[in-house]
């Protein structure tokens, strides 16, 4: 939660939220991506990603284009304005370095596994469904 607050504070002057930042990060480092693949990579609900992408498109930072091989699918890519914005954003990787720097990778892997399992159990219990990711 503290990392999320630090992230939100760093992004507030740019009118962005954390999920918007993650979309921009993924597109900056991975290039144009099918929206369904972006959803899987970011582990967010389809409706959540749809709202985030629509908001970023309205702001002019990303665009949605039809996939040339499957017109039903949408490819998300950065616009020139999105690339420019990315260059202006603060380096948020320092948050991860502060939180996890110097920790044993095996300990981190264990923590991730435990938290993922706990989240899946809670999701299953509260929705009556398996976690879709």
N, C-alpha and C. Protein backbone atom coordinates (compact mmCIF):
# COMPACT_ATOMS: atom_id res chain seq x y z
N UNK A 1 0.82 -1.19 0.00
CA UNK A 1 0.00 0.00 0.00
C UNK A 1 0.87 1.26 0.00
N UNK A 2 1.95 1.24 0.77
CA UNK A 2 2.83 2.41 0.82
C UNK A 2 3.45 2.68 -0.54
N UNK A 3 3.84 1.61 -1.24
CA UNK A 3 4.42 1.78 -2.58
C UNK A 3 3.39 2.36 -3.54
N UNK A 4 2.16 1.91 -3.43
CA UNK A 4 1.09 2.41 -4.29
C UNK A 4 0.86 3.90 -4.03
N UNK A 5 0.88 4.31 -2.77
CA UNK A 5 0.71 5.72 -2.42
C UNK A 5 1.85 6.55 -3.00
N UNK A 6 3.08 6.05 -2.87
CA UNK A 6 4.24 6.77 -3.42
C UNK A 6 4.12 6.89 -4.94
N UNK A 7 3.65 5.84 -5.57
CA UNK A 7 3.48 5.84 -7.02
C UNK A 7 2.41 6.86 -7.42
N UNK A 8 1.28 6.83 -6.74
CA UNK A 8 0.19 7.76 -7.04
C UNK A 8 0.65 9.21 -6.84
N UNK A 9 1.42 9.45 -5.80
CA UNK A 9 1.94 10.81 -5.55
C UNK A 9 2.83 11.28 -6.69
N UNK A 10 3.67 10.38 -7.19
CA UNK A 10 4.57 10.74 -8.28
C UNK A 10 3.85 10.98 -9.60
N UNK A 11 2.70 10.32 -9.78
CA UNK A 11 1.96 10.42 -11.04
C UNK A 11 0.89 11.51 -11.04
N UNK A 12 0.47 11.93 -9.87
CA UNK A 12 -0.61 12.91 -9.75
C UNK A 12 -0.38 14.16 -10.60
N UNK A 13 0.83 14.74 -10.60
CA UNK A 13 1.03 15.95 -11.41
C UNK A 13 0.81 15.73 -12.91
N UNK A 14 0.84 14.49 -13.34
CA UNK A 14 0.69 14.16 -14.75
C UNK A 14 -0.73 13.70 -15.09
N UNK A 15 -1.58 13.65 -14.08
CA UNK A 15 -2.96 13.23 -14.29
C UNK A 15 -3.09 11.75 -14.60
N UNK A 16 -2.17 10.94 -14.08
CA UNK A 16 -2.17 9.51 -14.34
C UNK A 16 -2.35 8.73 -13.05
N UNK A 17 -2.93 7.54 -13.18
CA UNK A 17 -3.01 6.60 -12.08
C UNK A 17 -2.02 5.47 -12.30
N UNK A 18 -1.90 4.61 -11.32
CA UNK A 18 -0.92 3.52 -11.38
C UNK A 18 -1.19 2.57 -12.54
N UNK A 19 -2.43 2.20 -12.77
CA UNK A 19 -2.72 1.26 -13.86
C UNK A 19 -2.41 1.90 -15.20
N UNK A 20 -2.69 3.19 -15.34
CA UNK A 20 -2.34 3.89 -16.57
C UNK A 20 -0.82 3.86 -16.77
N UNK A 21 -0.07 4.07 -15.70
CA UNK A 21 1.39 4.03 -15.78
C UNK A 21 1.85 2.65 -16.24
N UNK A 22 1.26 1.59 -15.67
CA UNK A 22 1.65 0.23 -16.05
C UNK A 22 1.38 -0.03 -17.53
N UNK A 23 0.27 0.48 -18.05
CA UNK A 23 -0.02 0.33 -19.48
C UNK A 23 1.05 1.04 -20.30
N UNK A 24 1.36 2.28 -19.93
CA UNK A 24 2.39 3.03 -20.65
C UNK A 24 3.75 2.33 -20.55
N UNK A 25 4.08 1.83 -19.37
CA UNK A 25 5.34 1.11 -19.17
C UNK A 25 5.42 -0.10 -20.10
N UNK A 26 4.35 -0.88 -20.10
CA UNK A 26 4.34 -2.09 -20.93
C UNK A 26 4.49 -1.75 -22.41
N UNK A 27 3.78 -0.73 -22.87
CA UNK A 27 3.85 -0.35 -24.28
C UNK A 27 5.21 0.25 -24.62
N UNK A 28 5.80 0.99 -23.69
CA UNK A 28 7.13 1.57 -23.92
C UNK A 28 8.18 0.49 -24.06
N UNK A 29 8.11 -0.51 -23.20
CA UNK A 29 9.13 -1.55 -23.17
C UNK A 29 8.81 -2.76 -24.05
N UNK A 30 7.53 -2.97 -24.36
CA UNK A 30 7.16 -4.14 -25.13
C UNK A 30 6.62 -3.84 -26.51
N UNK A 31 6.39 -2.57 -26.79
CA UNK A 31 5.85 -2.20 -28.09
C UNK A 31 4.36 -2.43 -28.18
N UNK A 32 3.80 -2.21 -29.36
CA UNK A 32 2.36 -2.40 -29.55
C UNK A 32 1.93 -3.80 -29.10
N UNK A 33 0.78 -3.87 -28.44
CA UNK A 33 0.34 -5.11 -27.82
C UNK A 33 -1.15 -5.30 -28.02
N UNK A 34 -1.56 -6.52 -28.27
CA UNK A 34 -2.99 -6.82 -28.31
C UNK A 34 -3.60 -6.52 -26.94
N UNK A 35 -4.78 -5.91 -26.94
CA UNK A 35 -5.40 -5.55 -25.67
C UNK A 35 -5.60 -6.76 -24.78
N UNK A 36 -5.98 -7.90 -25.35
CA UNK A 36 -6.19 -9.11 -24.53
C UNK A 36 -4.88 -9.57 -23.90
N UNK A 37 -3.75 -9.42 -24.62
CA UNK A 37 -2.45 -9.81 -24.07
C UNK A 37 -2.02 -8.83 -22.98
N UNK A 38 -2.35 -7.58 -23.17
CA UNK A 38 -2.04 -6.56 -22.16
C UNK A 38 -2.81 -6.86 -20.88
N UNK A 39 -4.05 -7.27 -21.03
CA UNK A 39 -4.88 -7.62 -19.87
C UNK A 39 -4.23 -8.76 -19.08
N UNK A 40 -3.78 -9.76 -19.79
CA UNK A 40 -3.13 -10.91 -19.13
C UNK A 40 -1.83 -10.50 -18.45
N UNK A 41 -1.05 -9.67 -19.14
CA UNK A 41 0.24 -9.24 -18.58
C UNK A 41 0.07 -8.40 -17.32
N UNK A 42 -0.96 -7.57 -17.31
CA UNK A 42 -1.16 -6.66 -16.18
C UNK A 42 -2.04 -7.26 -15.08
N UNK A 43 -2.65 -8.41 -15.36
CA UNK A 43 -3.51 -9.07 -14.38
C UNK A 43 -4.63 -8.15 -13.90
N UNK A 44 -5.33 -7.55 -14.86
CA UNK A 44 -6.48 -6.70 -14.52
C UNK A 44 -7.71 -7.24 -15.25
N UNK A 45 -8.85 -6.86 -14.75
CA UNK A 45 -10.10 -7.25 -15.39
C UNK A 45 -10.22 -6.59 -16.76
N UNK A 46 -10.93 -7.24 -17.66
CA UNK A 46 -11.13 -6.72 -19.01
C UNK A 46 -11.78 -5.34 -18.96
N UNK A 47 -12.81 -5.18 -18.13
CA UNK A 47 -13.51 -3.89 -18.04
C UNK A 47 -12.59 -2.79 -17.50
N UNK A 48 -11.75 -3.14 -16.54
CA UNK A 48 -10.81 -2.17 -15.98
C UNK A 48 -9.84 -1.70 -17.05
N UNK A 49 -9.27 -2.64 -17.78
CA UNK A 49 -8.31 -2.27 -18.82
C UNK A 49 -8.99 -1.45 -19.91
N UNK A 50 -10.22 -1.80 -20.24
CA UNK A 50 -10.95 -1.06 -21.26
C UNK A 50 -11.10 0.40 -20.87
N UNK A 51 -11.46 0.65 -19.63
CA UNK A 51 -11.61 2.03 -19.14
C UNK A 51 -10.26 2.75 -19.17
N UNK A 52 -9.21 2.08 -18.72
CA UNK A 52 -7.87 2.68 -18.69
C UNK A 52 -7.40 3.03 -20.10
N UNK A 53 -7.55 2.09 -21.02
CA UNK A 53 -7.11 2.33 -22.41
C UNK A 53 -7.94 3.45 -23.04
N UNK A 54 -9.24 3.44 -22.81
CA UNK A 54 -10.10 4.50 -23.35
C UNK A 54 -9.68 5.86 -22.81
N UNK A 55 -9.37 5.93 -21.53
CA UNK A 55 -8.93 7.19 -20.92
C UNK A 55 -7.61 7.64 -21.51
N UNK A 56 -6.65 6.73 -21.65
CA UNK A 56 -5.36 7.08 -22.24
C UNK A 56 -5.51 7.50 -23.70
N UNK A 57 -6.43 6.86 -24.42
CA UNK A 57 -6.68 7.24 -25.82
C UNK A 57 -7.31 8.63 -25.89
N UNK A 58 -8.25 8.89 -25.00
CA UNK A 58 -8.89 10.21 -24.97
C UNK A 58 -7.87 11.32 -24.67
N UNK A 59 -6.88 11.00 -23.85
CA UNK A 59 -5.82 11.96 -23.53
C UNK A 59 -4.79 12.06 -24.65
N UNK A 60 -4.87 11.15 -25.62
CA UNK A 60 -3.97 11.18 -26.76
C UNK A 60 -2.65 10.45 -26.57
N UNK A 61 -2.56 9.61 -25.53
CA UNK A 61 -1.30 8.93 -25.23
C UNK A 61 -1.18 7.55 -25.88
N UNK A 62 -2.31 6.92 -26.18
CA UNK A 62 -2.30 5.63 -26.86
C UNK A 62 -3.37 5.66 -27.95
N UNK A 63 -3.26 4.70 -28.85
CA UNK A 63 -4.31 4.52 -29.85
C UNK A 63 -4.61 3.05 -29.99
N UNK A 64 -5.85 2.77 -30.37
CA UNK A 64 -6.31 1.41 -30.61
C UNK A 64 -6.49 1.24 -32.10
N UNK A 65 -5.88 0.20 -32.62
CA UNK A 65 -6.05 -0.08 -34.05
C UNK A 65 -6.46 -1.55 -34.20
N UNK A 66 -7.15 -1.84 -35.27
CA UNK A 66 -7.55 -3.22 -35.52
C UNK A 66 -6.33 -4.07 -35.81
N UNK A 67 -6.31 -5.27 -35.25
CA UNK A 67 -5.23 -6.22 -35.54
C UNK A 67 -5.36 -6.66 -37.00
N UNK A 68 -4.30 -6.55 -37.77
CA UNK A 68 -4.39 -6.91 -39.20
C UNK A 68 -4.79 -8.37 -39.45
N UNK A 69 -4.48 -9.27 -38.52
CA UNK A 69 -4.80 -10.68 -38.72
C UNK A 69 -6.15 -11.08 -38.14
N UNK A 70 -6.69 -10.27 -37.22
CA UNK A 70 -8.00 -10.55 -36.62
C UNK A 70 -8.66 -9.22 -36.29
N UNK A 71 -9.52 -8.78 -37.16
CA UNK A 71 -10.14 -7.46 -37.04
C UNK A 71 -10.95 -7.29 -35.75
N UNK A 72 -11.29 -8.38 -35.09
CA UNK A 72 -12.04 -8.29 -33.83
C UNK A 72 -11.14 -7.85 -32.67
N UNK A 73 -9.85 -8.06 -32.81
CA UNK A 73 -8.90 -7.73 -31.76
C UNK A 73 -8.35 -6.32 -31.95
N UNK A 74 -7.98 -5.69 -30.85
CA UNK A 74 -7.43 -4.35 -30.90
C UNK A 74 -5.98 -4.36 -30.43
N UNK A 75 -5.13 -3.69 -31.20
CA UNK A 75 -3.73 -3.50 -30.83
C UNK A 75 -3.64 -2.12 -30.19
N UNK A 76 -2.96 -2.07 -29.06
CA UNK A 76 -2.76 -0.80 -28.36
C UNK A 76 -1.32 -0.38 -28.59
N UNK A 77 -1.14 0.88 -28.96
CA UNK A 77 0.23 1.37 -29.15
C UNK A 77 0.32 2.81 -28.68
N UNK A 78 1.54 3.19 -28.31
CA UNK A 78 1.80 4.57 -27.88
C UNK A 78 1.69 5.51 -29.07
N UNK A 79 1.22 6.71 -28.80
CA UNK A 79 1.26 7.78 -29.79
C UNK A 79 2.55 8.57 -29.55
N UNK A 80 2.80 9.53 -30.41
CA UNK A 80 3.95 10.42 -30.21
C UNK A 80 3.83 11.15 -28.88
N UNK A 81 2.61 11.60 -28.56
CA UNK A 81 2.38 12.29 -27.29
C UNK A 81 2.64 11.34 -26.11
N UNK A 82 2.26 10.08 -26.25
CA UNK A 82 2.50 9.10 -25.20
C UNK A 82 3.98 8.85 -24.98
N UNK A 83 4.71 8.77 -26.07
CA UNK A 83 6.17 8.59 -25.97
C UNK A 83 6.81 9.80 -25.31
N UNK A 84 6.36 10.96 -25.67
CA UNK A 84 6.88 12.20 -25.07
C UNK A 84 6.56 12.24 -23.57
N UNK A 85 5.31 11.90 -23.22
CA UNK A 85 4.92 11.86 -21.81
C UNK A 85 5.80 10.90 -21.03
N UNK A 86 6.04 9.72 -21.59
CA UNK A 86 6.85 8.72 -20.89
C UNK A 86 8.23 9.30 -20.55
N UNK A 87 8.78 10.07 -21.47
CA UNK A 87 10.09 10.68 -21.24
C UNK A 87 10.08 11.72 -20.13
N UNK A 88 8.91 12.26 -19.82
CA UNK A 88 8.78 13.28 -18.77
C UNK A 88 8.45 12.70 -17.40
N UNK A 89 7.94 11.47 -17.37
CA UNK A 89 7.51 10.87 -16.10
C UNK A 89 8.69 10.57 -15.19
N UNK A 90 8.47 10.68 -13.87
CA UNK A 90 9.55 10.34 -12.94
C UNK A 90 9.87 8.85 -13.00
N UNK A 91 11.10 8.51 -12.65
CA UNK A 91 11.52 7.12 -12.62
C UNK A 91 10.94 6.47 -11.35
N UNK A 92 9.91 5.66 -11.53
CA UNK A 92 9.26 5.04 -10.39
C UNK A 92 9.92 3.73 -9.98
N UNK A 93 10.94 3.31 -10.71
CA UNK A 93 11.63 2.07 -10.33
C UNK A 93 12.32 2.22 -8.99
N UNK A 94 12.60 3.44 -8.58
CA UNK A 94 13.25 3.65 -7.28
C UNK A 94 12.37 3.15 -6.13
N UNK A 95 11.06 3.17 -6.33
CA UNK A 95 10.15 2.67 -5.29
C UNK A 95 10.41 1.19 -5.05
N UNK A 96 10.54 0.45 -6.14
CA UNK A 96 10.83 -0.99 -6.02
C UNK A 96 12.20 -1.20 -5.40
N UNK A 97 13.19 -0.39 -5.79
CA UNK A 97 14.53 -0.52 -5.23
C UNK A 97 14.53 -0.26 -3.72
N UNK A 98 13.80 0.75 -3.30
CA UNK A 98 13.72 1.08 -1.87
C UNK A 98 13.06 -0.06 -1.11
N UNK A 99 11.96 -0.56 -1.66
CA UNK A 99 11.19 -1.59 -0.97
C UNK A 99 11.89 -2.94 -0.95
N UNK A 100 12.49 -3.33 -2.09
CA UNK A 100 12.98 -4.70 -2.20
C UNK A 100 14.48 -4.83 -2.44
N UNK A 101 15.18 -3.73 -2.58
CA UNK A 101 16.62 -3.77 -2.84
C UNK A 101 17.37 -4.54 -1.77
N UNK A 102 18.25 -5.42 -2.21
CA UNK A 102 19.09 -6.17 -1.28
C UNK A 102 18.43 -7.39 -0.67
N UNK A 103 17.17 -7.63 -1.00
CA UNK A 103 16.50 -8.82 -0.44
C UNK A 103 16.87 -10.05 -1.27
N UNK A 104 16.87 -11.17 -0.60
CA UNK A 104 17.18 -12.44 -1.24
C UNK A 104 16.09 -12.76 -2.26
N UNK A 105 16.46 -13.03 -3.52
CA UNK A 105 15.47 -13.35 -4.55
C UNK A 105 14.58 -14.55 -4.18
N UNK A 106 15.13 -15.50 -3.48
CA UNK A 106 14.33 -16.66 -3.07
C UNK A 106 13.25 -16.24 -2.07
N UNK A 107 13.59 -15.32 -1.17
CA UNK A 107 12.60 -14.81 -0.22
C UNK A 107 11.49 -14.06 -0.95
N UNK A 108 11.88 -13.25 -1.94
CA UNK A 108 10.89 -12.51 -2.72
C UNK A 108 9.98 -13.46 -3.49
N UNK A 109 10.56 -14.51 -4.07
CA UNK A 109 9.75 -15.48 -4.81
C UNK A 109 8.76 -16.18 -3.88
N UNK A 110 9.19 -16.49 -2.67
CA UNK A 110 8.30 -17.11 -1.70
C UNK A 110 7.16 -16.16 -1.33
N UNK A 111 7.49 -14.90 -1.10
CA UNK A 111 6.47 -13.91 -0.75
C UNK A 111 5.45 -13.76 -1.88
N UNK A 112 5.92 -13.70 -3.11
CA UNK A 112 5.02 -13.57 -4.26
C UNK A 112 4.11 -14.79 -4.35
N UNK A 113 4.68 -15.96 -4.19
CA UNK A 113 3.89 -17.20 -4.27
C UNK A 113 2.82 -17.23 -3.18
N UNK A 114 3.19 -16.88 -1.96
CA UNK A 114 2.24 -16.90 -0.85
C UNK A 114 1.12 -15.87 -1.07
N UNK A 115 1.50 -14.66 -1.47
CA UNK A 115 0.48 -13.62 -1.69
C UNK A 115 -0.42 -13.95 -2.88
N UNK A 116 0.15 -14.51 -3.93
CA UNK A 116 -0.67 -14.90 -5.09
C UNK A 116 -1.68 -15.98 -4.69
N UNK A 117 -1.22 -16.97 -3.94
CA UNK A 117 -2.12 -18.03 -3.50
C UNK A 117 -3.21 -17.48 -2.60
N UNK A 118 -2.85 -16.60 -1.68
CA UNK A 118 -3.84 -16.00 -0.79
C UNK A 118 -4.87 -15.19 -1.58
N UNK A 119 -4.42 -14.44 -2.56
CA UNK A 119 -5.32 -13.65 -3.40
C UNK A 119 -6.26 -14.56 -4.18
N UNK A 120 -5.72 -15.63 -4.75
CA UNK A 120 -6.56 -16.57 -5.49
C UNK A 120 -7.62 -17.21 -4.59
N UNK A 121 -7.24 -17.55 -3.37
CA UNK A 121 -8.19 -18.16 -2.44
C UNK A 121 -9.30 -17.18 -2.07
N UNK A 122 -8.91 -15.93 -1.80
CA UNK A 122 -9.91 -14.92 -1.45
C UNK A 122 -10.84 -14.66 -2.63
N UNK A 123 -10.26 -14.55 -3.82
CA UNK A 123 -11.07 -14.32 -5.02
C UNK A 123 -12.06 -15.46 -5.22
N UNK A 124 -11.59 -16.67 -5.09
CA UNK A 124 -12.46 -17.83 -5.26
C UNK A 124 -13.57 -17.83 -4.21
N UNK A 125 -13.24 -17.52 -2.99
CA UNK A 125 -14.22 -17.52 -1.90
C UNK A 125 -15.27 -16.42 -2.06
N UNK A 126 -14.81 -15.23 -2.45
CA UNK A 126 -15.73 -14.09 -2.52
C UNK A 126 -16.55 -14.05 -3.79
N UNK A 127 -16.04 -14.65 -4.88
CA UNK A 127 -16.79 -14.63 -6.13
C UNK A 127 -17.41 -15.97 -6.45
N UNK A 128 -16.94 -17.01 -5.80
CA UNK A 128 -17.43 -18.34 -6.13
C UNK A 128 -16.85 -18.85 -7.43
N UNK A 129 -15.88 -18.12 -7.95
CA UNK A 129 -15.26 -18.49 -9.23
C UNK A 129 -13.76 -18.60 -9.06
N UNK A 130 -13.15 -19.30 -9.97
CA UNK A 130 -11.69 -19.34 -9.99
C UNK A 130 -11.18 -18.02 -10.49
N UNK A 131 -9.98 -17.64 -10.06
CA UNK A 131 -9.34 -16.41 -10.53
C UNK A 131 -9.12 -16.51 -12.04
N UNK A 132 -9.62 -15.53 -12.83
CA UNK A 132 -9.51 -15.61 -14.27
C UNK A 132 -8.10 -15.47 -14.82
N UNK A 133 -7.16 -15.00 -14.04
CA UNK A 133 -5.79 -14.86 -14.55
C UNK A 133 -5.06 -16.13 -14.37
